[in-house]
Amino acid sequence: MRGKLPKTELLITFEAVARHESYTRAAEELALTQSAVFRQMAALEAFLNTELFSHAKKRIFLNDAGRYYLDMVRDTLNKFERDTHAIMTWQPTSRVIELAVNPTLSTHWLIPKLGEFNKSYPDVVININSLASVGDFLNRNYDAVIMREDFCAPLARVDSLFEEALLPVCSRTLPGYAGRKITVERLLDNFTLLHQSTRIESWVEWFALSGISSPRVKLGPRFDLISMLIAAVHSRLGVALLPRFSVQHDLDNGSMVIPCDVPMRTGNRFILTWRDDGVESGGMPLFRDWLLKQSAVERHALLQTL
């Protein structure tokens, strides 16, 4: 027999109150009266025998216990919502894979290729979730994960996919670029370098491959996300160092070009990792085999540029 659990409506109300830190705004969101919200929070605290909020001058704030509980409640409600949606759309012949993927890799590499997989295996459904933090990996029950090798400890099974390589890329119509390969020295002298905030030393390391060290290497605007950096390149703001997988489509269609043939290996390797249980059932073996073939193409493209 299952032990005592709080009612779902209490958890939903708690999440809203905690997010707003306001009974009034939570009541408006949930279409309840403020007094009803207050009573539900009092009932939840009584059930837990723990205070979740501090009160000061008609304001409420999450205390340490409330913040700790909020993380668990959010994960529980999110999983419950996903599971409910899954059963609402469930088909007896469907095989579902809950996959977590590095956001950049999923957006620019995996998702554009999924049409081919869906055409070959229409009864396998791939639900893609964003893997933005180690907490996403640890606190959610995914069937498989695609991530960098050093992101965190993997699940039971692991396949190596491909290594990341950075390429200097720019718009084909970048002002000052005539469409021909240029020297590394001219790139530094004549073009704006675009930087990724989380890889601020990348250009320094890239120029060092050609024996160049200069304070000018660090000049130029910074962008937090790779998607921002790609947009900046398309907007003809300058030259960026970007992972090959993130711009391969743009290189293929000619909207981006490589002004200098000096690729740089980063040492970052992507892996597929999945749970040991149920690996031979469902759609996981089919997806794994397909993914390994796609990765072999990526590895071949890397070798061609090195």
Protein backbone atom coordinates (compact mmCIF):
# COMPACT_ATOMS: atom_id res chain seq x y z
CA MET A 1 0.00 0.00 0.00
CA ARG A 2 1.39 3.41 -0.98
CA GLY A 3 2.24 5.76 1.86
CA LYS A 4 0.65 9.14 2.44
CA LEU A 5 1.06 11.68 -0.36
CA PRO A 6 -0.14 15.29 -0.59
CA LYS A 7 -2.95 16.01 -3.01
CA THR A 8 -1.87 17.06 -6.48
CA GLU A 9 -3.79 20.34 -6.29
CA LEU A 10 -1.77 21.31 -3.22
CA LEU A 11 1.47 20.80 -5.12
CA ILE A 12 0.23 22.77 -8.13
CA THR A 13 -0.81 25.65 -5.87
CA PHE A 14 2.50 25.50 -3.98
CA GLU A 15 4.48 25.73 -7.23
CA ALA A 16 2.49 28.81 -8.31
CA VAL A 17 2.78 30.55 -4.92
CA ALA A 18 6.51 29.76 -4.74
CA ARG A 19 7.12 31.05 -8.28
CA HIS A 20 5.29 34.32 -7.65
CA GLU A 21 5.99 34.55 -3.92
CA SER A 22 2.50 35.97 -3.74
CA TYR A 23 -0.86 34.50 -2.76
CA THR A 24 -2.63 37.11 -4.86
CA ARG A 25 -0.80 36.43 -8.15
CA ALA A 26 -1.01 32.67 -7.63
CA ALA A 27 -4.76 32.98 -7.03
CA GLU A 28 -5.16 34.96 -10.27
CA GLU A 29 -3.20 32.36 -12.23
CA LEU A 30 -5.13 29.41 -10.80
CA ALA A 31 -8.56 31.11 -10.87
CA LEU A 32 -8.95 30.67 -7.11
CA THR A 33 -9.68 33.07 -4.29
CA GLN A 34 -6.76 34.32 -2.25
CA SER A 35 -8.22 32.74 0.87
CA ALA A 36 -8.48 29.36 -0.91
CA VAL A 37 -4.80 29.56 -1.89
CA PHE A 38 -3.86 30.47 1.69
CA ARG A 39 -5.85 27.53 3.06
CA GLN A 40 -4.21 25.13 0.62
CA MET A 41 -0.73 26.27 1.64
CA ALA A 42 -1.63 25.94 5.30
CA ALA A 43 -2.93 22.42 4.60
CA LEU A 44 0.27 21.47 2.75
CA GLU A 45 2.51 22.76 5.55
CA ALA A 46 0.38 20.90 8.10
CA PHE A 47 0.65 17.71 6.02
CA LEU A 48 4.44 18.05 5.78
CA ASN A 49 4.77 19.27 9.36
CA THR A 50 7.20 21.83 7.88
CA GLU A 51 6.92 25.55 7.18
CA LEU A 52 7.73 26.39 3.56
CA PHE A 53 7.42 30.18 3.63
CA SER A 54 8.60 33.12 5.72
CA HIS A 55 6.29 36.11 6.18
CA ALA A 56 7.40 39.72 6.57
CA LYS A 57 5.34 42.91 6.18
CA LYS A 58 2.57 41.27 4.15
CA ARG A 59 5.15 39.64 1.87
CA ILE A 60 5.94 35.95 1.63
CA PHE A 61 9.29 34.36 0.80
CA LEU A 62 10.41 30.78 0.34
CA ASN A 63 12.52 29.59 3.25
CA ASP A 64 15.29 26.99 2.87
CA ALA A 65 12.85 24.08 3.21
CA GLY A 66 10.54 25.66 0.64
CA ARG A 67 13.34 26.11 -1.91
CA TYR A 68 14.45 22.52 -1.39
CA TYR A 69 10.91 21.21 -1.78
CA LEU A 70 10.18 23.41 -4.81
CA ASP A 71 12.88 21.75 -6.93
CA MET A 72 11.42 18.31 -6.20
CA VAL A 73 7.83 19.42 -6.76
CA ARG A 74 8.65 21.02 -10.12
CA ASP A 75 10.42 17.89 -11.34
CA THR A 76 7.52 15.73 -10.16
CA LEU A 77 4.86 17.90 -11.81
CA ASN A 78 6.86 18.14 -15.05
CA LYS A 79 7.27 14.37 -15.21
CA PHE A 80 3.61 13.84 -14.38
CA GLU A 81 2.65 16.23 -17.18
CA ARG A 82 4.93 14.49 -19.69
CA ASP A 83 3.70 11.04 -18.68
CA THR A 84 0.07 12.15 -18.89
CA HIS A 85 0.59 13.58 -22.36
CA ALA A 86 2.38 10.38 -23.40
CA ILE A 87 -0.53 8.17 -22.39
CA MET A 88 -3.04 10.53 -24.01
CA THR A 89 -1.21 10.14 -27.32
CA TRP A 90 -0.20 6.51 -26.81
CA GLN A 91 -0.64 4.04 -29.62
CA PRO A 92 -0.29 0.30 -28.97
CA THR A 93 2.17 -0.08 -31.85
CA SER A 94 4.28 2.98 -30.97
CA ARG A 95 7.69 2.77 -29.35
CA VAL A 96 8.69 5.93 -27.48
CA ILE A 97 12.22 7.06 -26.61
CA GLU A 98 12.68 9.88 -24.10
CA LEU A 99 15.91 11.47 -25.29
CA ALA A 100 17.84 14.34 -23.67
CA VAL A 101 20.27 16.24 -25.89
CA ASN A 102 22.66 19.16 -25.66
CA PRO A 103 20.52 22.09 -26.97
CA THR A 104 22.94 23.23 -29.68
CA LEU A 105 23.54 19.71 -30.96
CA SER A 106 19.83 18.94 -31.06
CA THR A 107 18.90 22.17 -32.85
CA HIS A 108 21.62 22.24 -35.47
CA TRP A 109 22.52 18.59 -36.00
CA LEU A 110 20.07 15.99 -34.70
CA ILE A 111 16.63 17.49 -35.40
CA PRO A 112 17.38 18.36 -39.06
CA LYS A 113 18.27 14.68 -39.61
CA LEU A 114 15.30 13.14 -37.78
CA GLY A 115 13.02 13.25 -40.81
CA GLU A 116 15.07 10.44 -42.35
CA PHE A 117 14.76 8.35 -39.18
CA ASN A 118 11.01 8.99 -38.91
CA LYS A 119 10.52 7.93 -42.52
CA SER A 120 12.41 4.67 -41.95
CA TYR A 121 10.83 3.89 -38.56
CA PRO A 122 7.41 5.58 -38.36
CA ASP A 123 6.40 3.57 -35.28
CA VAL A 124 9.29 4.92 -33.17
CA VAL A 125 8.63 8.28 -31.50
CA ILE A 126 11.62 10.34 -30.32
CA ASN A 127 10.71 12.88 -27.64
CA ILE A 128 13.57 15.38 -27.40
CA ASN A 129 14.32 17.14 -24.12
CA SER A 130 16.88 19.88 -23.52
CA LEU A 131 19.95 18.86 -21.51
CA ALA A 132 21.00 22.22 -20.13
CA SER A 133 22.44 21.22 -16.75
CA VAL A 134 23.71 18.24 -14.81
CA GLY A 135 20.50 18.51 -12.76
CA ASP A 136 18.51 17.72 -15.89
CA PHE A 137 20.52 14.53 -16.26
CA LEU A 138 20.34 13.43 -12.63
CA ASN A 139 16.75 14.29 -11.79
CA ARG A 140 14.84 13.05 -14.82
CA ASN A 141 14.24 9.54 -16.05
CA TYR A 142 15.47 9.62 -19.65
CA ASP A 143 15.89 6.51 -21.79
CA ALA A 144 18.99 7.91 -23.47
CA VAL A 145 21.16 11.02 -23.48
CA ILE A 146 23.43 12.64 -26.07
CA MET A 147 26.00 14.82 -24.36
CA ARG A 148 29.64 15.81 -24.21
CA GLU A 149 31.85 13.09 -22.81
CA ASP A 150 32.96 15.25 -19.87
CA PHE A 151 29.48 16.58 -19.04
CA CYS A 152 28.90 14.10 -16.19
CA ALA A 153 29.13 10.39 -15.41
CA PRO A 154 27.24 8.47 -18.14
CA LEU A 155 24.54 5.82 -17.84
CA ALA A 156 25.21 2.06 -18.12
CA ARG A 157 25.85 1.89 -21.89
CA VAL A 158 27.99 4.30 -23.92
CA ASP A 159 28.79 4.82 -27.61
CA SER A 160 31.26 7.41 -28.86
CA LEU A 161 29.76 9.60 -31.61
CA PHE A 162 32.18 12.24 -32.91
CA GLU A 163 34.65 14.91 -31.87
CA GLU A 164 33.86 18.60 -32.13
CA ALA A 165 35.90 20.79 -34.47
CA LEU A 166 35.73 24.60 -34.67
CA LEU A 167 35.87 26.35 -38.04
CA PRO A 168 36.21 30.04 -38.88
CA VAL A 169 33.08 30.96 -40.84
CA CYS A 170 31.54 34.10 -42.26
CA SER A 171 28.69 35.14 -44.49
CA ARG A 172 29.34 34.68 -48.19
CA THR A 173 28.41 38.37 -48.59
CA LEU A 174 30.47 39.70 -45.67
CA PRO A 175 31.72 43.20 -46.60
CA GLY A 176 35.38 43.07 -47.57
CA TYR A 177 35.37 39.34 -48.32
CA ALA A 178 35.90 38.61 -52.03
CA GLY A 179 35.02 34.93 -51.95
CA ARG A 180 38.59 33.61 -52.01
CA LYS A 181 40.63 31.99 -49.25
CA ILE A 182 42.57 34.52 -47.20
CA THR A 183 45.57 34.29 -44.90
CA VAL A 184 45.26 34.13 -41.14
CA GLU A 185 47.11 37.46 -40.91
CA ARG A 186 44.61 39.17 -43.19
CA LEU A 187 41.71 37.76 -41.23
CA LEU A 188 43.06 39.41 -38.10
CA ASP A 189 43.89 42.69 -39.84
CA ASN A 190 40.73 43.21 -41.86
CA PHE A 191 37.75 41.53 -40.21
CA THR A 192 35.81 41.72 -36.94
CA LEU A 193 36.16 38.64 -34.77
CA LEU A 194 32.95 37.42 -33.12
CA HIS A 195 33.37 35.66 -29.77
CA GLN A 196 31.31 33.17 -27.77
CA SER A 197 31.20 34.26 -24.12
CA THR A 198 31.69 30.73 -22.79
CA ARG A 199 34.67 30.12 -25.10
CA ILE A 200 36.42 33.41 -24.85
CA GLU A 201 39.88 31.91 -25.47
CA SER A 202 38.92 30.08 -28.65
CA TRP A 203 40.26 32.69 -31.05
CA VAL A 204 43.49 32.92 -29.03
CA GLU A 205 43.98 29.16 -29.37
CA TRP A 206 43.03 29.21 -33.05
CA PHE A 207 45.52 31.94 -33.99
CA ALA A 208 48.19 30.18 -31.91
CA LEU A 209 47.97 27.26 -34.36
CA SER A 210 49.46 29.64 -36.93
CA GLY A 211 52.01 31.11 -34.52
CA ILE A 212 50.14 34.39 -34.02
CA SER A 213 49.79 36.07 -30.63
CA SER A 214 48.26 39.53 -30.45
CA PRO A 215 46.00 41.49 -28.07
CA ARG A 216 43.79 42.25 -31.09
CA VAL A 217 42.67 38.62 -31.07
CA LYS A 218 40.49 39.37 -28.06
CA LEU A 219 38.77 42.35 -29.64
CA GLY A 220 35.22 42.09 -30.97
CA PRO A 221 31.69 41.58 -29.65
CA ARG A 222 30.70 38.63 -27.48
CA PHE A 223 27.58 36.49 -27.67
CA ASP A 224 26.27 34.13 -25.00
CA LEU A 225 24.78 31.44 -27.22
CA ILE A 226 25.90 29.67 -30.38
CA SER A 227 22.51 30.50 -31.92
CA MET A 228 23.29 34.21 -31.36
CA LEU A 229 26.72 33.77 -32.91
CA ILE A 230 25.21 32.08 -35.97
CA ALA A 231 22.69 34.92 -36.31
CA ALA A 232 25.55 37.43 -36.08
CA VAL A 233 27.38 35.66 -38.92
CA HIS A 234 24.25 35.65 -41.06
CA SER A 235 23.87 39.37 -40.30
CA ARG A 236 27.37 39.96 -41.69
CA LEU A 237 28.78 41.27 -38.41
CA GLY A 238 32.09 39.45 -38.75
CA VAL A 239 33.83 36.07 -38.60
CA ALA A 240 33.10 33.46 -35.91
CA LEU A 241 34.60 30.18 -34.74
CA LEU A 242 31.75 27.69 -34.73
CA PRO A 243 31.39 23.91 -34.40
CA ARG A 244 31.23 22.26 -37.80
CA PHE A 245 28.04 20.39 -36.91
CA SER A 246 26.26 23.66 -36.12
CA VAL A 247 26.93 25.25 -39.52
CA GLN A 248 27.23 22.30 -41.90
CA HIS A 249 23.84 23.08 -43.46
CA ASP A 250 24.86 26.72 -44.03
CA LEU A 251 28.14 25.61 -45.60
CA ASP A 252 26.33 23.16 -47.86
CA ASN A 253 23.85 25.75 -49.13
CA GLY A 254 26.53 28.41 -49.57
CA SER A 255 25.17 31.00 -47.15
CA MET A 256 28.34 30.61 -45.06
CA VAL A 257 31.91 30.05 -46.18
CA ILE A 258 35.23 29.13 -44.56
CA PRO A 259 37.64 32.03 -45.24
CA CYS A 260 40.71 30.20 -43.82
CA ASP A 261 41.28 26.44 -43.97
CA VAL A 262 42.48 26.11 -40.39
CA PRO A 263 40.07 23.87 -38.42
CA MET A 264 40.72 23.34 -34.73
CA ARG A 265 39.94 20.20 -32.79
CA THR A 266 38.58 20.99 -29.32
CA GLY A 267 38.91 17.57 -27.72
CA ASN A 268 35.20 17.66 -26.88
CA ARG A 269 33.59 14.37 -27.83
CA PHE A 270 29.88 13.66 -28.00
CA ILE A 271 28.57 10.35 -26.72
CA LEU A 272 25.29 8.46 -26.66
CA THR A 273 24.56 6.92 -23.28
CA TRP A 274 21.53 4.88 -22.31
CA ARG A 275 20.09 2.72 -19.58
CA ASP A 276 20.89 -0.96 -19.32
CA ASP A 277 17.27 -1.94 -18.68
CA GLY A 278 15.14 -2.63 -21.74
CA VAL A 279 17.90 -1.89 -24.23
CA GLU A 280 16.92 -4.80 -26.49
CA SER A 281 13.26 -3.81 -26.54
CA GLY A 282 11.45 -0.79 -27.90
CA GLY A 283 13.03 1.49 -30.48
CA MET A 284 16.39 2.09 -28.82
CA PRO A 285 18.44 -0.42 -30.90
CA LEU A 286 17.04 1.08 -34.12
CA PHE A 287 17.77 4.64 -33.01
CA ARG A 288 21.27 3.71 -31.81
CA ASP A 289 22.21 2.07 -35.12
CA TRP A 290 20.87 5.02 -37.11
CA LEU A 291 22.68 7.54 -34.89
CA LEU A 292 25.99 5.73 -35.23
CA LYS A 293 25.70 5.90 -39.02
CA GLN A 294 25.03 9.65 -38.87
CA SER A 295 28.02 10.07 -36.56
CA ALA A 296 30.28 8.18 -38.97
CA VAL A 297 29.41 10.74 -41.65
CA GLU A 298 30.30 13.54 -39.23
CA ARG A 299 33.64 11.91 -38.37
CA HIS A 300 34.45 11.54 -42.07
CA ALA A 301 33.68 15.24 -42.65
CA LEU A 302 36.02 16.12 -39.78
CA LEU A 303 38.86 14.08 -41.27
CA GLN A 304 38.38 15.78 -44.63
CA THR A 305 39.06 19.19 -43.09
CA LEU A 306 42.07 18.28 -40.92
